[in-house]
PDB file of N, CA and C in Angstrom:
ATOM      1  N   UNK A   1       5.054 -10.107  19.236  1.00  0.00           N
ATOM      2  CA  UNK A   1       5.873  -9.330  18.336  1.00  0.00           C
ATOM      3  C   UNK A   1       6.166  -7.968  18.960  1.00  0.00           C
ATOM      4  N   UNK A   2       7.198  -8.384  19.794  1.00  0.00           N
ATOM      5  CA  UNK A   2       8.089  -7.470  20.450  1.00  0.00           C
ATOM      6  C   UNK A   2       9.132  -6.970  20.089  1.00  0.00           C
ATOM      7  N   UNK A   3       9.643  -5.720  20.048  1.00  0.00           N
ATOM      8  CA  UNK A   3      10.436  -4.971  19.073  1.00  0.00           C
ATOM      9  C   UNK A   3      11.179  -3.965  20.224  1.00  0.00           C
ATOM     10  N   UNK A   4      12.602  -3.896  19.522  1.00  0.00           N
ATOM     11  CA  UNK A   4      13.226  -2.586  20.146  1.00  0.00           C
ATOM     12  C   UNK A   4      13.196  -1.563  19.210  1.00  0.00           C
ATOM     13  N   UNK A   5      12.945  -1.565  18.145  1.00  0.00           N
ATOM     14  CA  UNK A   5      13.040  -0.524  17.272  1.00  0.00           C
ATOM     15  C   UNK A   5      11.914   0.955  17.983  1.00  0.00           C
ATOM     16  N   UNK A   6      12.312   2.024  17.725  1.00  0.00           N
ATOM     17  CA  UNK A   6      11.665   3.132  18.009  1.00  0.00           C
ATOM     18  C   UNK A   6      11.735   4.436  16.664  1.00  0.00           C
ATOM     19  N   UNK A   7      11.168   4.921  16.768  1.00  0.00           N
ATOM     20  CA  UNK A   7      10.894   6.128  16.157  1.00  0.00           C
ATOM     21  C   UNK A   7      11.948   7.660  16.447  1.00  0.00           C
ATOM     22  N   UNK A   8      13.141   7.699  15.360  1.00  0.00           N
ATOM     23  CA  UNK A   8      14.241   8.581  15.630  1.00  0.00           C
ATOM     24  C   UNK A   8      13.658   9.920  15.471  1.00  0.00           C
ATOM     25  N   UNK A   9      14.336  10.702  16.289  1.00  0.00           N
ATOM     26  CA  UNK A   9      13.824  11.987  16.500  1.00  0.00           C
ATOM     27  C   UNK A   9      14.406  12.748  15.215  1.00  0.00           C
ATOM     28  N   UNK A  10      15.755  12.513  14.662  1.00  0.00           N
ATOM     29  CA  UNK A  10      15.980  13.038  13.473  1.00  0.00           C
ATOM     30  C   UNK A  10      15.065  12.817  11.913  1.00  0.00           C
ATOM     31  N   UNK A  11      14.639  11.462  11.987  1.00  0.00           N
ATOM     32  CA  UNK A  11      13.444  11.066  11.210  1.00  0.00           C
ATOM     33  C   UNK A  11      12.135  11.519  11.233  1.00  0.00           C
ATOM     34  N   UNK A  12      11.917  12.245  12.751  1.00  0.00           N
ATOM     35  CA  UNK A  12      10.690  12.770  12.548  1.00  0.00           C
ATOM     36  C   UNK A  12      11.155  14.513  12.223  1.00  0.00           C
ATOM     37  N   UNK A  13      12.260  14.875  12.577  1.00  0.00           N
ATOM     38  CA  UNK A  13      12.545  16.382  12.310  1.00  0.00           C
ATOM     39  C   UNK A  13      12.680  16.513  10.440  1.00  0.00           C
ATOM     40  N   UNK A  14      13.392  15.576   9.732  1.00  0.00           N
ATOM     41  CA  UNK A  14      13.332  15.649   8.815  1.00  0.00           C
ATOM     42  C   UNK A  14      11.835  15.658   8.178  1.00  0.00           C
ATOM     43  N   UNK A  15      10.537  14.868   8.839  1.00  0.00           N
ATOM     44  CA  UNK A  15       9.455  15.205   7.944  1.00  0.00           C
ATOM     45  C   UNK A  15       8.932  16.544   8.575  1.00  0.00           C
ATOM     46  N   UNK A  16       8.999  17.115   9.898  1.00  0.00           N
ATOM     47  CA  UNK A  16       8.683  18.782  10.067  1.00  0.00           C
ATOM     48  C   UNK A  16       9.105  19.406   9.041  1.00  0.00           C
ATOM     49  N   UNK A  17      10.914  19.651   8.721  1.00  0.00           N
ATOM     50  CA  UNK A  17      11.426  20.475   7.817  1.00  0.00           C
ATOM     51  C   UNK A  17      10.669  20.123   6.856  1.00  0.00           C
ATOM     52  N   UNK A  18      10.240  19.219   5.982  1.00  0.00           N
ATOM     53  CA  UNK A  18       9.502  18.938   4.588  1.00  0.00           C
ATOM     54  C   UNK A  18       8.343  19.535   4.854  1.00  0.00           C
ATOM     55  N   UNK A  19       7.445  19.747   5.986  1.00  0.00           N
ATOM     56  CA  UNK A  19       6.470  20.149   6.306  1.00  0.00           C
ATOM     57  C   UNK A  19       6.601  21.607   6.223  1.00  0.00           C
ATOM     58  N   UNK A  20       7.101  22.083   6.873  1.00  0.00           N
ATOM     59  CA  UNK A  20       7.477  23.349   6.459  1.00  0.00           C
ATOM     60  C   UNK A  20       8.247  24.111   5.657  1.00  0.00           C
ATOM     61  N   UNK A  21       8.892  23.651   4.861  1.00  0.00           N
ATOM     62  CA  UNK A  21       9.284  23.876   3.533  1.00  0.00           C
ATOM     63  C   UNK A  21       8.205  24.141   2.691  1.00  0.00           C
ATOM     64  N   UNK A  22       7.611  23.221   2.750  1.00  0.00           N
ATOM     65  CA  UNK A  22       6.399  23.100   1.680  1.00  0.00           C
ATOM     66  C   UNK A  22       5.667  24.198   1.907  1.00  0.00           C
ATOM     67  N   UNK A  23       5.252  24.473   3.132  1.00  0.00           N
ATOM     68  CA  UNK A  23       4.383  25.561   3.701  1.00  0.00           C
ATOM     69  C   UNK A  23       4.974  26.872   3.366  1.00  0.00           C
ATOM     70  N   UNK A  24       6.218  26.968   3.860  1.00  0.00           N
ATOM     71  CA  UNK A  24       6.843  28.385   2.820  1.00  0.00           C
ATOM     72  C   UNK A  24       6.978  28.397   1.517  1.00  0.00           C
ATOM     73  N   UNK A  25       7.138  27.578   0.752  1.00  0.00           N
ATOM     74  CA  UNK A  25       6.739  27.568  -0.235  1.00  0.00           C
ATOM     75  C   UNK A  25       5.760  27.781  -0.929  1.00  0.00           C
ATOM     76  N   UNK A  26       4.703  27.165  -0.897  1.00  0.00           N
ATOM     77  CA  UNK A  26       3.000  27.580  -1.179  1.00  0.00           C
ATOM     78  C   UNK A  26       2.981  28.891  -0.707  1.00  0.00           C
ATOM     79  N   UNK A  27       3.045  29.605   0.707  1.00  0.00           N
ATOM     80  CA  UNK A  27       2.658  30.818   0.873  1.00  0.00           C
ATOM     81  C   UNK A  27       3.489  31.968  -0.225  1.00  0.00           C
ATOM     82  N   UNK A  28       4.453  31.533  -0.040  1.00  0.00           N
ATOM     83  CA  UNK A  28       5.717  32.816  -0.804  1.00  0.00           C
ATOM     84  C   UNK A  28       5.048  32.766  -2.126  1.00  0.00           C
ATOM     85  N   UNK A  29       4.700  31.069  -3.144  1.00  0.00           N
ATOM     86  CA  UNK A  29       3.956  31.495  -4.495  1.00  0.00           C
ATOM     87  C   UNK A  29       2.571  32.241  -4.406  1.00  0.00           C
ATOM     88  N   UNK A  30       1.835  32.251  -3.385  1.00  0.00           N
ATOM     89  CA  UNK A  30       0.250  32.655  -3.334  1.00  0.00           C
ATOM     90  C   UNK A  30       0.731  33.979  -3.161  1.00  0.00           C
ATOM     91  N   UNK A  31       1.517  34.785  -2.041  1.00  0.00           N
ATOM     92  CA  UNK A  31       1.928  35.775  -2.668  1.00  0.00           C
ATOM     93  C   UNK A  31       2.083  36.538  -3.292  1.00  0.00           C
ATOM     94  N   UNK A  32       3.051  35.951  -4.083  1.00  0.00           N
ATOM     95  CA  UNK A  32       3.503  36.728  -5.129  1.00  0.00           C
ATOM     96  C   UNK A  32       2.654  37.117  -6.586  1.00  0.00           C
ATOM     97  N   UNK A  33       1.517  35.797  -6.249  1.00  0.00           N
ATOM     98  CA  UNK A  33       0.452  35.765  -7.029  1.00  0.00           C
ATOM     99  C   UNK A  33      -0.634  36.995  -6.733  1.00  0.00           C
ATOM    100  N   UNK A  34      -0.731  36.769  -5.550  1.00  0.00           N
ATOM    101  CA  UNK A  34      -1.747  37.757  -5.087  1.00  0.00           C
ATOM    102  C   UNK A  34      -1.182  39.380  -5.462  1.00  0.00           C
ATOM    103  N   UNK A  35       0.210  39.623  -5.503  1.00  0.00           N
ATOM    104  CA  UNK A  35       1.115  40.961  -5.351  1.00  0.00           C
ATOM    105  C   UNK A  35       0.988  40.698  -7.016  1.00  0.00           C
ATOM    106  N   UNK A  36       0.454  40.509  -7.726  1.00  0.00           N
ATOM    107  CA  UNK A  36       0.824  40.341  -9.442  1.00  0.00           C
ATOM    108  C   UNK A  36       1.540  40.289 -10.057  1.00  0.00           C
ATOM    109  N   UNK A  37       2.429  38.826  -9.275  1.00  0.00           N
ATOM    110  CA  UNK A  37       3.786  39.098  -9.899  1.00  0.00           C
ATOM    111  C   UNK A  37       5.219  39.242  -9.484  1.00  0.00           C
ATOM    112  N   UNK A  38       5.115  40.645  -8.856  1.00  0.00           N
ATOM    113  CA  UNK A  38       5.989  41.107  -8.185  1.00  0.00           C
ATOM    114  C   UNK A  38       6.606  40.510  -6.839  1.00  0.00           C
ATOM    115  N   UNK A  39       7.915  40.474  -6.337  1.00  0.00           N
ATOM    116  CA  UNK A  39       8.315  39.376  -5.783  1.00  0.00           C
ATOM    117  C   UNK A  39       9.021  40.155  -4.981  1.00  0.00           C
ATOM    118  N   UNK A  40       8.710  40.382  -3.517  1.00  0.00           N
ATOM    119  CA  UNK A  40       9.579  40.936  -2.730  1.00  0.00           C
ATOM    120  C   UNK A  40      10.438  40.030  -1.892  1.00  0.00           C
ATOM    121  N   UNK A  41      11.263  41.268  -0.580  1.00  0.00           N
ATOM    122  CA  UNK A  41      12.515  40.602  -0.317  1.00  0.00           C
ATOM    123  C   UNK A  41      11.869  39.197   0.759  1.00  0.00           C
ATOM    124  N   UNK A  42      11.009  39.539   1.019  1.00  0.00           N
ATOM    125  CA  UNK A  42      10.107  38.481   2.100  1.00  0.00           C
ATOM    126  C   UNK A  42      10.295  36.913   1.352  1.00  0.00           C
ATOM    127  N   UNK A  43       9.372  37.298   0.251  1.00  0.00           N
ATOM    128  CA  UNK A  43       9.166  35.804  -0.343  1.00  0.00           C
ATOM    129  C   UNK A  43      11.130  35.075  -0.788  1.00  0.00           C
ATOM    130  N   UNK A  44      11.515  36.175  -1.178  1.00  0.00           N
ATOM    131  CA  UNK A  44      12.865  35.248  -1.393  1.00  0.00           C
ATOM    132  C   UNK A  44      13.554  35.291  -0.597  1.00  0.00           C
ATOM    133  N   UNK A  45      13.509  35.672   0.661  1.00  0.00           N
ATOM    134  CA  UNK A  45      14.076  35.027   1.677  1.00  0.00           C
ATOM    135  C   UNK A  45      13.457  33.478   2.246  1.00  0.00           C
ATOM    136  N   UNK A  46      12.288  33.504   2.034  1.00  0.00           N
ATOM    137  CA  UNK A  46      11.418  32.256   2.691  1.00  0.00           C
ATOM    138  C   UNK A  46      11.685  31.199   1.511  1.00  0.00           C
ATOM    139  N   UNK A  47      12.190  31.591   0.560  1.00  0.00           N
ATOM    140  CA  UNK A  47      12.247  30.415  -0.593  1.00  0.00           C
ATOM    141  C   UNK A  47      13.801  30.003  -0.673  1.00  0.00           C
ATOM    142  N   UNK A  48      14.771  31.136  -0.028  1.00  0.00           N
ATOM    143  CA  UNK A  48      15.995  30.655   0.360  1.00  0.00           C
ATOM    144  C   UNK A  48      16.076  29.856   1.513  1.00  0.00           C
ATOM    145  N   UNK A  49      15.156  30.177   2.757  1.00  0.00           N
ATOM    146  CA  UNK A  49      15.339  29.110   3.727  1.00  0.00           C
ATOM    147  C   UNK A  49      14.767  27.933   3.501  1.00  0.00           C
ATOM    148  N   UNK A  50      13.613  27.977   2.402  1.00  0.00           N
ATOM    149  CA  UNK A  50      13.186  26.557   2.186  1.00  0.00           C
ATOM    150  C   UNK A  50      14.156  25.805   1.866  1.00  0.00           C
ATOM    151  N   UNK A  51      14.819  26.199   0.909  1.00  0.00           N
ATOM    152  CA  UNK A  51      15.986  25.246   0.130  1.00  0.00           C
ATOM    153  C   UNK A  51      16.749  24.773   1.419  1.00  0.00           C
ATOM    154  N   UNK A  52      17.430  25.530   2.104  1.00  0.00           N
ATOM    155  CA  UNK A  52      17.818  24.625   3.071  1.00  0.00           C
ATOM    156  C   UNK A  52      17.159  23.858   4.117  1.00  0.00           C
ATOM    157  N   UNK A  53      16.027  24.283   4.421  1.00  0.00           N
ATOM    158  CA  UNK A  53      15.346  22.933   5.360  1.00  0.00           C
ATOM    159  C   UNK A  53      15.077  21.970   4.191  1.00  0.00           C
ATOM    160  N   UNK A  54      14.834  22.053   2.729  1.00  0.00           N
ATOM    161  CA  UNK A  54      15.110  20.857   1.630  1.00  0.00           C
ATOM    162  C   UNK A  54      16.075  20.060   2.033  1.00  0.00           C
ATOM    163  N   UNK A  55      17.082  21.004   1.934  1.00  0.00           N
ATOM    164  CA  UNK A  55      18.394  20.410   1.961  1.00  0.00           C
ATOM    165  C   UNK A  55      18.714  19.591   3.162  1.00  0.00           C
ATOM    166  N   UNK A  56      18.484  20.079   4.432  1.00  0.00           N
ATOM    167  CA  UNK A  56      18.868  19.788   5.463  1.00  0.00           C
ATOM    168  C   UNK A  56      17.786  18.102   5.835  1.00  0.00           C
ATOM    169  N   UNK A  57      16.496  18.634   5.354  1.00  0.00           N
ATOM    170  CA  UNK A  57      15.601  17.535   6.017  1.00  0.00           C
ATOM    171  C   UNK A  57      16.077  16.260   4.748  1.00  0.00           C
ATOM    172  N   UNK A  58      16.522  16.525   3.830  1.00  0.00           N
ATOM    173  CA  UNK A  58      16.699  15.544   2.797  1.00  0.00           C
ATOM    174  C   UNK A  58      17.633  14.828   3.181  1.00  0.00           C
ATOM    175  N   UNK A  59      18.723  14.827   3.757  1.00  0.00           N
ATOM    176  CA  UNK A  59      19.896  14.671   4.905  1.00  0.00           C
ATOM    177  C   UNK A  59      19.644  13.917   5.398  1.00  0.00           C
ATOM    178  N   UNK A  60      18.752  14.334   6.538  1.00  0.00           N
ATOM    179  CA  UNK A  60      18.537  13.827   7.704  1.00  0.00           C
ATOM    180  C   UNK A  60      17.398  12.657   7.346  1.00  0.00           C
ATOM    181  N   UNK A  61      16.956  12.786   6.446  1.00  0.00           N
ATOM    182  CA  UNK A  61      15.846  11.270   6.019  1.00  0.00           C
ATOM    183  C   UNK A  61      16.514  10.587   5.617  1.00  0.00           C
ATOM    184  N   UNK A  62      17.326  10.670   4.526  1.00  0.00           N
ATOM    185  CA  UNK A  62      18.274   9.477   3.915  1.00  0.00           C
ATOM    186  C   UNK A  62      19.259   8.938   4.839  1.00  0.00           C
ATOM    187  N   UNK A  63      19.956   9.544   5.723  1.00  0.00           N
ATOM    188  CA  UNK A  63      20.945   9.231   6.736  1.00  0.00           C
ATOM    189  C   UNK A  63      20.097   8.132   7.488  1.00  0.00           C
ATOM    190  N   UNK A  64      18.671   8.440   8.157  1.00  0.00           N
ATOM    191  CA  UNK A  64      18.091   7.637   8.903  1.00  0.00           C
ATOM    192  C   UNK A  64      17.286   6.770   8.415  1.00  0.00           C
ATOM    193  N   UNK A  65      17.141   6.704   6.954  1.00  0.00           N
ATOM    194  CA  UNK A  65      16.778   5.219   6.455  1.00  0.00           C
ATOM    195  C   UNK A  65      17.777   4.394   6.234  1.00  0.00           C
ATOM    196  N   UNK A  66      19.286   4.959   6.050  1.00  0.00           N
ATOM    197  CA  UNK A  66      20.060   4.415   6.110  1.00  0.00           C
ATOM    198  C   UNK A  66      20.217   3.102   7.477  1.00  0.00           C
ATOM    199  N   UNK A  67      19.649   3.742   8.380  1.00  0.00           N
ATOM    200  CA  UNK A  67      20.107   3.022   9.850  1.00  0.00           C
ATOM    201  C   UNK A  67      19.252   2.041   9.610  1.00  0.00           C
ATOM    202  N   UNK A  68      19.380   0.548  10.606  1.00  0.00           N
ATOM    203  CA  UNK A  68      18.335  -0.308  10.380  1.00  0.00           C
ATOM    204  C   UNK A  68      17.497  -0.497  11.680  1.00  0.00           C
ATOM    205  N   UNK A  69      17.951   0.230  12.711  1.00  0.00           N
ATOM    206  CA  UNK A  69      17.574  -0.157  13.976  1.00  0.00           C
ATOM    207  C   UNK A  69      15.876   0.865  14.662  1.00  0.00           C
ATOM    208  N   UNK A  70      15.393   1.518  13.530  1.00  0.00           N
ATOM    209  CA  UNK A  70      14.623   2.414  13.771  1.00  0.00           C
ATOM    210  C   UNK A  70      13.338   2.102  12.852  1.00  0.00           C
ATOM    211  N   UNK A  71      12.145   2.682  13.087  1.00  0.00           N
ATOM    212  CA  UNK A  71      11.503   2.800  12.150  1.00  0.00           C
ATOM    213  C   UNK A  71      11.197   3.183  10.956  1.00  0.00           C
ATOM    214  N   UNK A  72      10.943   2.984   9.644  1.00  0.00           N
ATOM    215  CA  UNK A  72      11.159   3.958   8.535  1.00  0.00           C
ATOM    216  C   UNK A  72      10.067   4.705   8.173  1.00  0.00           C
ATOM    217  N   UNK A  73       8.969   4.903   8.827  1.00  0.00           N
ATOM    218  CA  UNK A  73       7.848   5.742   8.471  1.00  0.00           C
ATOM    219  C   UNK A  73       8.044   7.467   8.173  1.00  0.00           C
ATOM    220  N   UNK A  74       8.743   8.217   9.389  1.00  0.00           N
ATOM    221  CA  UNK A  74       9.073   9.376   9.324  1.00  0.00           C
ATOM    222  C   UNK A  74      10.553   9.718   8.489  1.00  0.00           C
ATOM    223  N   UNK A  75      11.276   8.897   8.450  1.00  0.00           N
ATOM    224  CA  UNK A  75      11.980   9.205   7.242  1.00  0.00           C
ATOM    225  C   UNK A  75      12.009   8.685   6.194  1.00  0.00           C
ATOM    226  N   UNK A  76      11.489   7.957   6.055  1.00  0.00           N
ATOM    227  CA  UNK A  76      10.358   7.891   4.283  1.00  0.00           C
ATOM    228  C   UNK A  76      10.011   9.168   3.682  1.00  0.00           C
ATOM    229  N   UNK A  77       8.784   9.598   4.959  1.00  0.00           N
ATOM    230  CA  UNK A  77       7.997  10.636   4.718  1.00  0.00           C
ATOM    231  C   UNK A  77       8.483  12.173   4.647  1.00  0.00           C
ATOM    232  N   UNK A  78      10.063  12.312   5.194  1.00  0.00           N
ATOM    233  CA  UNK A  78      10.596  13.364   5.486  1.00  0.00           C
ATOM    234  C   UNK A  78      11.199  12.952   4.183  1.00  0.00           C
ATOM    235  N   UNK A  79      11.860  12.237   3.610  1.00  0.00           N
ATOM    236  CA  UNK A  79      12.665  11.885   1.562  1.00  0.00           C
ATOM    237  C   UNK A  79      11.422  12.642   1.286  1.00  0.00           C
ATOM    238  N   UNK A  80      10.278  11.872   1.099  1.00  0.00           N
ATOM    239  CA  UNK A  80       9.414  12.192   0.252  1.00  0.00           C
ATOM    240  C   UNK A  80       9.284  13.652   0.053  1.00  0.00           C
ATOM    241  N   UNK A  81       8.716  14.361   1.231  1.00  0.00           N
ATOM    242  CA  UNK A  81       8.503  15.954   1.378  1.00  0.00           C
ATOM    243  C   UNK A  81       9.255  16.855   1.277  1.00  0.00           C
ATOM    244  N   UNK A  82      11.024  16.127   1.487  1.00  0.00           N
ATOM    245  CA  UNK A  82      11.636  17.229   0.967  1.00  0.00           C
ATOM    246  C   UNK A  82      12.055  17.344  -0.479  1.00  0.00           C
ATOM    247  N   UNK A  83      12.445  15.944  -1.100  1.00  0.00           N
ATOM    248  CA  UNK A  83      11.895  15.711  -2.553  1.00  0.00           C
ATOM    249  C   UNK A  83      10.989  16.533  -3.232  1.00  0.00           C
ATOM    250  N   UNK A  84       9.785  16.773  -3.003  1.00  0.00           N
ATOM    251  CA  UNK A  84       8.574  17.275  -3.241  1.00  0.00           C
ATOM    252  C   UNK A  84       9.123  18.799  -3.648  1.00  0.00           C
ATOM    253  N   UNK A  85       9.430  19.130  -1.921  1.00  0.00           N
ATOM    254  CA  UNK A  85      10.093  20.657  -2.577  1.00  0.00           C
ATOM    255  C   UNK A  85      10.845  20.986  -2.482  1.00  0.00           C
ATOM    256  N   UNK A  86      12.247  20.141  -3.100  1.00  0.00           N
ATOM    257  CA  UNK A  86      13.027  20.580  -3.849  1.00  0.00           C
ATOM    258  C   UNK A  86      12.662  20.888  -5.154  1.00  0.00           C
ATOM    259  N   UNK A  87      12.084  19.699  -5.331  1.00  0.00           N
ATOM    260  CA  UNK A  87      11.408  19.536  -7.123  1.00  0.00           C
ATOM    261  C   UNK A  87      10.888  21.083  -7.255  1.00  0.00           C
ATOM    262  N   UNK A  88       9.752  21.356  -6.273  1.00  0.00           N
ATOM    263  CA  UNK A  88       9.230  22.559  -6.509  1.00  0.00           C
ATOM    264  C   UNK A  88       9.766  24.032  -6.432  1.00  0.00           C
ATOM    265  N   UNK A  89      10.814  24.101  -5.943  1.00  0.00           N
ATOM    266  CA  UNK A  89      11.621  25.245  -5.656  1.00  0.00           C
ATOM    267  C   UNK A  89      12.468  25.091  -6.913  1.00  0.00           C
ATOM    268  N   UNK A  90      12.510  24.066  -7.594  1.00  0.00           N
ATOM    269  CA  UNK A  90      13.063  23.727  -8.908  1.00  0.00           C
ATOM    270  C   UNK A  90      12.011  24.342  -9.991  1.00  0.00           C
ATOM    271  N   UNK A  91      11.350  24.051  -9.868  1.00  0.00           N
ATOM    272  CA  UNK A  91      10.339  24.434 -11.137  1.00  0.00           C
ATOM    273  C   UNK A  91       9.654  26.043 -10.420  1.00  0.00           C
ATOM    274  N   UNK A  92       9.706  26.325  -9.491  1.00  0.00           N
ATOM    275  CA  UNK A  92       9.763  28.011  -9.492  1.00  0.00           C
ATOM    276  C   UNK A  92      10.843  28.652  -9.843  1.00  0.00           C
ATOM    277  N   UNK A  93      12.106  28.127  -9.908  1.00  0.00           N
ATOM    278  CA  UNK A  93      13.007  28.978 -10.250  1.00  0.00           C
ATOM    279  C   UNK A  93      13.489  28.648 -11.873  1.00  0.00           C
ATOM    280  N   UNK A  94      12.805  27.753 -12.608  1.00  0.00           N
ATOM    281  CA  UNK A  94      13.013  27.644 -13.810  1.00  0.00           C
ATOM    282  C   UNK A  94      11.761  28.342 -14.360  1.00  0.00           C
ATOM    283  N   UNK A  95      10.631  28.667 -13.911  1.00  0.00           N
ATOM    284  CA  UNK A  95       9.708  29.172 -14.667  1.00  0.00           C
ATOM    285  C   UNK A  95       9.867  30.760 -14.168  1.00  0.00           C
ATOM    286  N   UNK A  96      10.660  30.782 -13.213  1.00  0.00           N
ATOM    287  CA  UNK A  96      10.979  32.398 -13.250  1.00  0.00           C
ATOM    288  C   UNK A  96      12.174  32.939 -14.379  1.00  0.00           C
ATOM    289  N   UNK A  97      13.158  31.942 -14.711  1.00  0.00           N
ATOM    290  CA  UNK A  97      13.785  32.164 -15.901  1.00  0.00           C
ATOM    291  C   UNK A  97      13.195  32.154 -17.139  1.00  0.00           C
ATOM    292  N   UNK A  98      12.397  31.582 -17.504  1.00  0.00           N
ATOM    293  CA  UNK A  98      11.542  31.458 -18.633  1.00  0.00           C
ATOM    294  C   UNK A  98      10.858  33.063 -18.785  1.00  0.00           C
TER     295      UNK A  98
END
């Protein structure tokens, strides 16, 4: 059972971006909760950057899933984490508007 497939660096980076974005999202939400609902500039910038992380990570993950010459573990995990991140950001935005 020999193969010439390998883990793609872009797929791993997609997974890392999803993890970092989720960490930033959870940290920002926790900081807003601790401060009694007052949103500061640091949390706003953190959420904006996590949106960029999510979009870039989702793009990289889908791109690497479309290729057939690499393993699919990290790109699939990256797509899952970045989708979860973008849904979390949409939820925060929805709750902020209501």
